[in-house]
N, C-alpha and C. Protein backbone atom coordinates (compact mmCIF):
# COMPACT_ATOMS: atom_id res chain seq x y z
N MET A 1 -8.66 5.76 11.73
CA MET A 1 -7.39 6.06 11.13
C MET A 1 -6.79 7.28 11.81
N ILE A 2 -5.50 7.27 11.93
CA ILE A 2 -4.77 8.34 12.61
C ILE A 2 -4.67 9.56 11.69
N ASP A 3 -4.95 10.73 12.22
CA ASP A 3 -4.83 11.97 11.46
C ASP A 3 -3.36 12.34 11.35
N ILE A 4 -2.80 12.19 10.14
CA ILE A 4 -1.37 12.46 9.98
C ILE A 4 -1.07 13.95 9.94
N GLY A 5 -2.09 14.78 9.80
CA GLY A 5 -1.88 16.22 9.76
C GLY A 5 -1.44 16.81 11.07
N ILE A 6 -1.66 16.09 12.17
CA ILE A 6 -1.31 16.64 13.49
C ILE A 6 -0.20 15.85 14.16
N ARG A 7 0.59 15.11 13.40
CA ARG A 7 1.68 14.30 13.93
C ARG A 7 3.02 14.99 13.76
N THR A 8 3.94 14.68 14.65
CA THR A 8 5.29 15.21 14.54
C THR A 8 6.06 14.41 13.49
N PRO A 9 7.19 14.94 13.00
CA PRO A 9 7.98 14.17 12.04
C PRO A 9 8.39 12.80 12.59
N ALA A 10 8.76 12.73 13.84
CA ALA A 10 9.16 11.45 14.43
C ALA A 10 8.00 10.45 14.44
N GLU A 11 6.81 10.92 14.76
CA GLU A 11 5.64 10.05 14.74
C GLU A 11 5.34 9.57 13.32
N LEU A 12 5.48 10.46 12.35
CA LEU A 12 5.24 10.08 10.96
C LEU A 12 6.25 9.06 10.47
N ILE A 13 7.50 9.23 10.87
CA ILE A 13 8.54 8.27 10.48
C ILE A 13 8.25 6.92 11.11
N ASP A 14 7.83 6.91 12.36
CA ASP A 14 7.47 5.66 13.03
C ASP A 14 6.30 4.97 12.29
N LEU A 15 5.28 5.75 11.95
CA LEU A 15 4.14 5.21 11.20
C LEU A 15 4.57 4.68 9.84
N LEU A 16 5.48 5.40 9.18
CA LEU A 16 5.96 4.99 7.86
C LEU A 16 6.71 3.66 7.94
N ILE A 17 7.56 3.52 8.93
CA ILE A 17 8.32 2.27 9.10
C ILE A 17 7.37 1.11 9.36
N THR A 18 6.45 1.30 10.27
CA THR A 18 5.48 0.25 10.60
C THR A 18 4.64 -0.10 9.37
N ASN A 19 4.18 0.91 8.66
CA ASN A 19 3.38 0.69 7.46
C ASN A 19 4.18 -0.08 6.41
N ASN A 20 5.44 0.28 6.22
CA ASN A 20 6.28 -0.42 5.24
C ASN A 20 6.43 -1.89 5.56
N ILE A 21 6.55 -2.22 6.83
CA ILE A 21 6.65 -3.62 7.24
C ILE A 21 5.36 -4.36 6.90
N HIS A 22 4.22 -3.75 7.21
CA HIS A 22 2.93 -4.37 6.89
C HIS A 22 2.77 -4.54 5.37
N CYS A 23 3.19 -3.54 4.61
CA CYS A 23 3.10 -3.61 3.15
C CYS A 23 3.97 -4.76 2.62
N TYR A 24 5.18 -4.88 3.13
CA TYR A 24 6.07 -5.96 2.72
C TYR A 24 5.44 -7.32 3.02
N MET A 25 4.87 -7.45 4.21
CA MET A 25 4.25 -8.72 4.59
C MET A 25 3.07 -9.05 3.68
N ALA A 26 2.27 -8.05 3.32
CA ALA A 26 1.14 -8.28 2.42
C ALA A 26 1.65 -8.70 1.04
N GLN A 27 2.70 -8.05 0.56
CA GLN A 27 3.27 -8.40 -0.74
C GLN A 27 3.86 -9.81 -0.71
N ASP A 28 4.45 -10.17 0.41
CA ASP A 28 4.98 -11.52 0.57
C ASP A 28 3.84 -12.55 0.49
N ASN A 29 2.70 -12.23 1.08
CA ASN A 29 1.54 -13.14 1.03
C ASN A 29 0.98 -13.28 -0.38
N ILE A 30 1.09 -12.22 -1.18
CA ILE A 30 0.62 -12.30 -2.57
C ILE A 30 1.38 -13.40 -3.31
N MET A 31 2.65 -13.54 -3.00
CA MET A 31 3.49 -14.52 -3.70
C MET A 31 3.45 -15.91 -3.07
N ASP A 32 2.80 -16.05 -1.94
CA ASP A 32 2.76 -17.33 -1.22
C ASP A 32 1.79 -18.30 -1.89
N LYS A 33 2.34 -19.26 -2.61
CA LYS A 33 1.52 -20.24 -3.35
C LYS A 33 0.76 -21.19 -2.42
N ASN A 34 1.11 -21.19 -1.13
CA ASN A 34 0.39 -22.04 -0.17
C ASN A 34 -0.94 -21.43 0.26
N LEU A 35 -1.13 -20.15 -0.03
CA LEU A 35 -2.38 -19.49 0.31
C LEU A 35 -3.38 -19.67 -0.84
N SER A 36 -4.65 -19.61 -0.50
CA SER A 36 -5.68 -19.71 -1.54
C SER A 36 -5.69 -18.44 -2.38
N ASP A 37 -6.32 -18.52 -3.55
CA ASP A 37 -6.44 -17.35 -4.40
C ASP A 37 -7.15 -16.22 -3.67
N GLU A 38 -8.17 -16.56 -2.92
CA GLU A 38 -8.91 -15.53 -2.18
C GLU A 38 -8.01 -14.85 -1.14
N GLU A 39 -7.20 -15.62 -0.42
CA GLU A 39 -6.28 -15.05 0.57
C GLU A 39 -5.24 -14.16 -0.10
N ARG A 40 -4.75 -14.62 -1.24
CA ARG A 40 -3.75 -13.84 -1.96
C ARG A 40 -4.37 -12.56 -2.53
N PHE A 41 -5.60 -12.66 -2.98
CA PHE A 41 -6.30 -11.48 -3.49
C PHE A 41 -6.51 -10.46 -2.36
N LYS A 42 -6.92 -10.94 -1.20
CA LYS A 42 -7.09 -10.04 -0.05
C LYS A 42 -5.76 -9.39 0.33
N ALA A 43 -4.68 -10.16 0.24
CA ALA A 43 -3.35 -9.61 0.53
C ALA A 43 -3.00 -8.51 -0.47
N SER A 44 -3.39 -8.70 -1.73
CA SER A 44 -3.11 -7.67 -2.74
C SER A 44 -3.90 -6.40 -2.46
N GLN A 45 -5.11 -6.55 -1.97
CA GLN A 45 -5.90 -5.38 -1.60
C GLN A 45 -5.26 -4.65 -0.42
N LYS A 46 -4.76 -5.42 0.55
CA LYS A 46 -4.08 -4.81 1.70
C LYS A 46 -2.81 -4.10 1.25
N ALA A 47 -2.07 -4.71 0.32
CA ALA A 47 -0.85 -4.08 -0.18
C ALA A 47 -1.18 -2.72 -0.81
N HIS A 48 -2.29 -2.64 -1.55
CA HIS A 48 -2.73 -1.37 -2.13
C HIS A 48 -2.99 -0.35 -1.02
N GLU A 49 -3.71 -0.77 0.00
CA GLU A 49 -4.04 0.13 1.11
C GLU A 49 -2.77 0.63 1.80
N TYR A 50 -1.85 -0.30 2.07
CA TYR A 50 -0.60 0.10 2.72
C TYR A 50 0.22 1.02 1.84
N ASN A 51 0.25 0.76 0.54
CA ASN A 51 1.01 1.63 -0.36
C ASN A 51 0.39 3.02 -0.42
N ASN A 52 -0.93 3.10 -0.44
CA ASN A 52 -1.60 4.41 -0.43
C ASN A 52 -1.26 5.16 0.85
N ARG A 53 -1.28 4.46 1.98
CA ARG A 53 -0.94 5.09 3.27
C ARG A 53 0.51 5.55 3.27
N ARG A 54 1.39 4.72 2.71
CA ARG A 54 2.81 5.06 2.60
C ARG A 54 2.95 6.38 1.84
N ASN A 55 2.25 6.49 0.72
CA ASN A 55 2.31 7.72 -0.07
C ASN A 55 1.83 8.93 0.72
N GLN A 56 0.75 8.77 1.48
CA GLN A 56 0.24 9.86 2.30
C GLN A 56 1.28 10.30 3.33
N LEU A 57 1.91 9.32 3.97
CA LEU A 57 2.90 9.64 5.00
C LEU A 57 4.12 10.34 4.39
N ILE A 58 4.59 9.85 3.26
CA ILE A 58 5.75 10.48 2.61
C ILE A 58 5.41 11.90 2.17
N ARG A 59 4.24 12.07 1.58
CA ARG A 59 3.83 13.42 1.15
C ARG A 59 3.79 14.38 2.34
N ARG A 60 3.22 13.91 3.44
CA ARG A 60 3.12 14.77 4.63
C ARG A 60 4.50 15.12 5.16
N LEU A 61 5.41 14.15 5.23
CA LEU A 61 6.77 14.43 5.68
C LEU A 61 7.45 15.43 4.75
N ASP A 62 7.30 15.23 3.45
CA ASP A 62 7.89 16.15 2.47
C ASP A 62 7.33 17.56 2.64
N GLU A 63 6.02 17.66 2.86
CA GLU A 63 5.40 18.97 3.06
C GLU A 63 5.97 19.65 4.30
N MET A 64 6.14 18.89 5.37
CA MET A 64 6.67 19.45 6.62
C MET A 64 8.09 19.98 6.44
N MET A 65 8.84 19.37 5.52
CA MET A 65 10.23 19.77 5.29
C MET A 65 10.36 20.75 4.11
N GLY A 66 9.23 21.13 3.52
CA GLY A 66 9.26 22.10 2.45
C GLY A 66 9.53 21.54 1.07
N TYR A 67 9.35 20.23 0.90
CA TYR A 67 9.61 19.59 -0.39
C TYR A 67 8.36 18.96 -1.00
N GLY A 68 7.19 19.36 -0.58
CA GLY A 68 5.95 18.76 -1.04
C GLY A 68 5.74 18.76 -2.53
N GLU A 69 6.19 19.81 -3.20
CA GLU A 69 5.96 19.90 -4.65
C GLU A 69 6.85 18.95 -5.44
N PHE A 70 7.85 18.34 -4.80
CA PHE A 70 8.77 17.45 -5.50
C PHE A 70 8.41 15.97 -5.35
N THR A 71 7.43 15.66 -4.54
CA THR A 71 7.09 14.27 -4.24
C THR A 71 6.45 13.61 -5.45
N GLN A 72 7.06 12.53 -5.93
CA GLN A 72 6.54 11.73 -7.04
C GLN A 72 6.41 10.29 -6.55
N LEU A 73 5.18 9.84 -6.33
CA LEU A 73 4.99 8.53 -5.72
C LEU A 73 4.00 7.64 -6.44
N GLU A 74 3.56 7.99 -7.59
CA GLU A 74 2.51 7.22 -8.25
C GLU A 74 3.01 5.83 -8.62
N LYS A 75 2.32 4.82 -8.11
CA LYS A 75 2.62 3.42 -8.40
C LYS A 75 1.32 2.71 -8.68
N SER A 76 1.43 1.59 -9.33
CA SER A 76 0.26 0.77 -9.59
C SER A 76 0.62 -0.67 -9.38
N TYR A 77 -0.22 -1.38 -8.67
CA TYR A 77 -0.01 -2.80 -8.43
C TYR A 77 -1.04 -3.61 -9.20
N ASN A 78 -1.26 -3.29 -10.45
CA ASN A 78 -2.19 -4.05 -11.28
C ASN A 78 -1.49 -5.31 -11.74
N SER A 79 -1.26 -6.20 -10.79
CA SER A 79 -0.50 -7.41 -11.08
C SER A 79 -1.31 -8.39 -11.91
N GLN A 80 -0.60 -9.24 -12.61
CA GLN A 80 -1.23 -10.29 -13.39
C GLN A 80 -2.05 -11.19 -12.47
N PHE A 81 -1.54 -11.45 -11.26
CA PHE A 81 -2.27 -12.29 -10.31
C PHE A 81 -3.63 -11.68 -9.99
N GLU A 82 -3.66 -10.38 -9.71
CA GLU A 82 -4.93 -9.73 -9.39
C GLU A 82 -5.90 -9.85 -10.54
N LYS A 83 -5.42 -9.67 -11.75
CA LYS A 83 -6.28 -9.78 -12.92
C LYS A 83 -6.84 -11.19 -13.05
N GLN A 84 -5.99 -12.19 -12.81
CA GLN A 84 -6.44 -13.58 -12.90
C GLN A 84 -7.50 -13.88 -11.86
N VAL A 85 -7.28 -13.43 -10.64
CA VAL A 85 -8.24 -13.70 -9.56
C VAL A 85 -9.55 -12.98 -9.82
N LYS A 86 -9.47 -11.72 -10.26
CA LYS A 86 -10.69 -10.97 -10.54
C LYS A 86 -11.49 -11.64 -11.65
N THR A 87 -10.77 -12.14 -12.67
CA THR A 87 -11.43 -12.84 -13.76
C THR A 87 -12.10 -14.09 -13.23
N LYS A 88 -11.39 -14.82 -12.40
CA LYS A 88 -11.91 -16.06 -11.82
C LYS A 88 -13.15 -15.78 -10.97
N MET A 89 -13.14 -14.64 -10.27
CA MET A 89 -14.25 -14.29 -9.39
C MET A 89 -15.34 -13.50 -10.13
N GLY A 90 -15.14 -13.27 -11.44
CA GLY A 90 -16.14 -12.56 -12.23
C GLY A 90 -16.20 -11.08 -11.96
N GLU A 91 -15.10 -10.49 -11.50
CA GLU A 91 -15.09 -9.08 -11.14
C GLU A 91 -14.42 -8.18 -12.18
N VAL A 92 -13.89 -8.75 -13.26
CA VAL A 92 -13.18 -7.95 -14.24
C VAL A 92 -14.16 -7.35 -15.23
N GLU A 93 -13.95 -6.05 -15.51
CA GLU A 93 -14.77 -5.39 -16.52
C GLU A 93 -14.19 -5.76 -17.88
N LYS A 94 -15.06 -6.06 -18.79
CA LYS A 94 -14.63 -6.46 -20.15
C LYS A 94 -14.34 -5.23 -20.98
């Protein structure tokens, strides 16, 4: 993984744009009914990873510009689909 602490603002923006595209594609796969439940579940895990990376990149950019204390990015993708797949796969805690 790339150390975002030593990147320039332009590099971080480039990483953010690329990451957002990957996140969108993963989210699109979650909704693709032609994919198996396992493929869609894996896509949901990737979407989580990309969203976490997005948050890291935004926080770092905000810190570089002096706005770090104002960054509010908490999101959750606890989708109904993920719950259904986890239940089906026996991974849900009761």
